[in-house]
Protein backbone atom coordinates (compact mmCIF):
# COMPACT_ATOMS: atom_id res chain seq x y z
CA UNK A 1 0.00 0.00 0.00
CA UNK A 2 1.34 3.43 -0.85
CA UNK A 3 1.60 6.34 1.55
CA UNK A 4 -1.31 8.46 2.64
CA UNK A 5 -1.12 12.24 3.11
CA UNK A 6 -2.95 13.67 6.10
CA UNK A 7 -3.39 17.45 6.11
CA UNK A 8 -3.94 18.78 9.64
CA UNK A 9 -5.43 22.22 10.27
CA UNK A 10 -4.45 23.89 13.55
CA UNK A 11 -6.10 26.87 15.24
CA UNK A 12 -3.79 29.16 17.21
CA UNK A 13 -0.71 26.88 17.46
CA UNK A 14 2.15 28.06 19.69
CA UNK A 15 4.47 28.71 16.72
CA UNK A 16 1.87 30.93 14.95
CA UNK A 17 -0.30 32.52 17.67
CA UNK A 18 -3.64 33.86 16.46
CA UNK A 19 -3.31 32.14 13.07
CA UNK A 20 -4.61 29.08 11.24
CA UNK A 21 -1.93 26.62 10.08
CA UNK A 22 -2.06 23.57 7.83
CA UNK A 23 0.69 20.93 7.83
CA UNK A 24 0.97 17.74 5.83
CA UNK A 25 2.24 14.38 7.06
CA UNK A 26 3.00 11.28 5.01
CA UNK A 27 1.85 8.05 6.65
CA UNK A 28 2.95 4.63 5.54
CA UNK A 29 0.18 2.20 6.62
CA UNK A 30 1.30 -1.09 8.13
CA UNK A 31 4.86 0.28 8.40
CA UNK A 32 4.41 2.77 11.23
CA UNK A 33 6.33 5.68 9.70
CA UNK A 34 5.01 9.25 9.88
CA UNK A 35 7.00 11.85 7.94
CA UNK A 36 6.02 15.54 8.33
CA UNK A 37 6.29 17.91 5.39
CA UNK A 38 8.90 20.62 5.81
CA UNK A 39 6.60 23.47 4.72
CA UNK A 40 3.33 24.65 6.17
CA UNK A 41 0.58 27.08 5.18
CA UNK A 42 -0.38 30.00 7.45
CA UNK A 43 -3.59 32.03 7.17
CA UNK A 44 -5.70 34.59 9.00
CA UNK A 45 -9.00 32.68 8.72
CA UNK A 46 -10.40 29.16 8.51
CA UNK A 47 -11.79 29.81 5.02
CA UNK A 48 -8.38 31.02 3.85
CA UNK A 49 -6.55 27.94 5.17
CA UNK A 50 -9.22 25.55 3.84
CA UNK A 51 -8.63 27.07 0.39
CA UNK A 52 -5.12 25.54 0.60
CA UNK A 53 -6.41 21.99 1.15
CA UNK A 54 -5.49 19.99 -1.97
CA UNK A 55 -8.30 18.95 -4.31
CA UNK A 56 -9.51 15.38 -3.96
CA UNK A 57 -9.17 15.27 -0.18
CA UNK A 58 -11.94 14.71 2.32
CA UNK A 59 -12.40 16.03 5.82
CA UNK A 60 -12.35 13.44 8.61
CA UNK A 61 -12.73 15.91 11.47
CA UNK A 62 -10.85 15.38 14.71
CA UNK A 63 -10.85 12.92 17.58
CA UNK A 64 -12.01 14.03 21.04
CA UNK A 65 -8.59 13.17 22.51
CA UNK A 66 -6.68 15.38 20.02
CA UNK A 67 -4.75 18.37 21.28
CA UNK A 68 -7.02 21.44 21.47
CA UNK A 69 -5.12 23.27 18.69
CA UNK A 70 -6.08 20.58 16.15
CA UNK A 71 -9.18 21.78 14.33
CA UNK A 72 -9.61 19.08 11.65
CA UNK A 73 -7.78 16.63 9.39
CA UNK A 74 -8.10 15.91 5.67
CA UNK A 75 -7.07 12.72 3.82
CA UNK A 76 -5.81 12.55 0.24
CA UNK A 77 -7.03 9.02 -0.51
CA UNK A 78 -10.41 7.38 -0.34
CA UNK A 79 -10.50 3.95 1.22
CA UNK A 80 -13.52 1.68 1.18
CA UNK A 81 -13.49 1.74 4.98
CA UNK A 82 -11.17 3.10 7.64
CA UNK A 83 -11.09 4.46 11.17
CA UNK A 84 -9.10 7.52 12.17
CA UNK A 85 -8.29 8.14 15.82
CA UNK A 86 -6.13 11.15 16.51
CA UNK A 87 -4.25 13.43 14.21
CA UNK A 88 -0.99 15.27 14.81
CA UNK A 89 0.49 17.93 16.99
CA UNK A 90 3.57 19.75 15.77
CA UNK A 91 6.32 20.20 18.35
CA UNK A 92 5.28 17.29 20.57
CA UNK A 93 4.86 13.62 19.97
CA UNK A 94 3.30 13.14 16.54
CA UNK A 95 0.80 10.36 16.57
CA UNK A 96 -1.83 8.81 14.41
CA UNK A 97 -3.93 5.69 14.63
CA UNK A 98 -5.51 4.69 11.34
CA UNK A 99 -6.99 1.29 10.71
CA UNK A 100 -7.61 0.52 7.02
CA UNK A 101 -9.93 -2.14 5.69
CA UNK A 102 -9.43 -2.78 1.98
């Protein structure tokens, strides 16, 4: 299975106070590797940062146990069925739990 890109939108992260930020992470299912992108997008509003979400992605929301700065996550691939628990927090332990059923 090829990698999956998860785009995480943050509200008011510590490195960009008062801003909206989107960062991408490559996930390699069944391998356990998460690789963050080096660049990020920064915006003044949610609409402005959502305009940067790549076409063909879908919003999967957030998990209740996510860090408060995580607003939502977007996936670049469509799977017949999957579960997403948790997204990412930049500057602390990055984590993700995704179970795919293909």
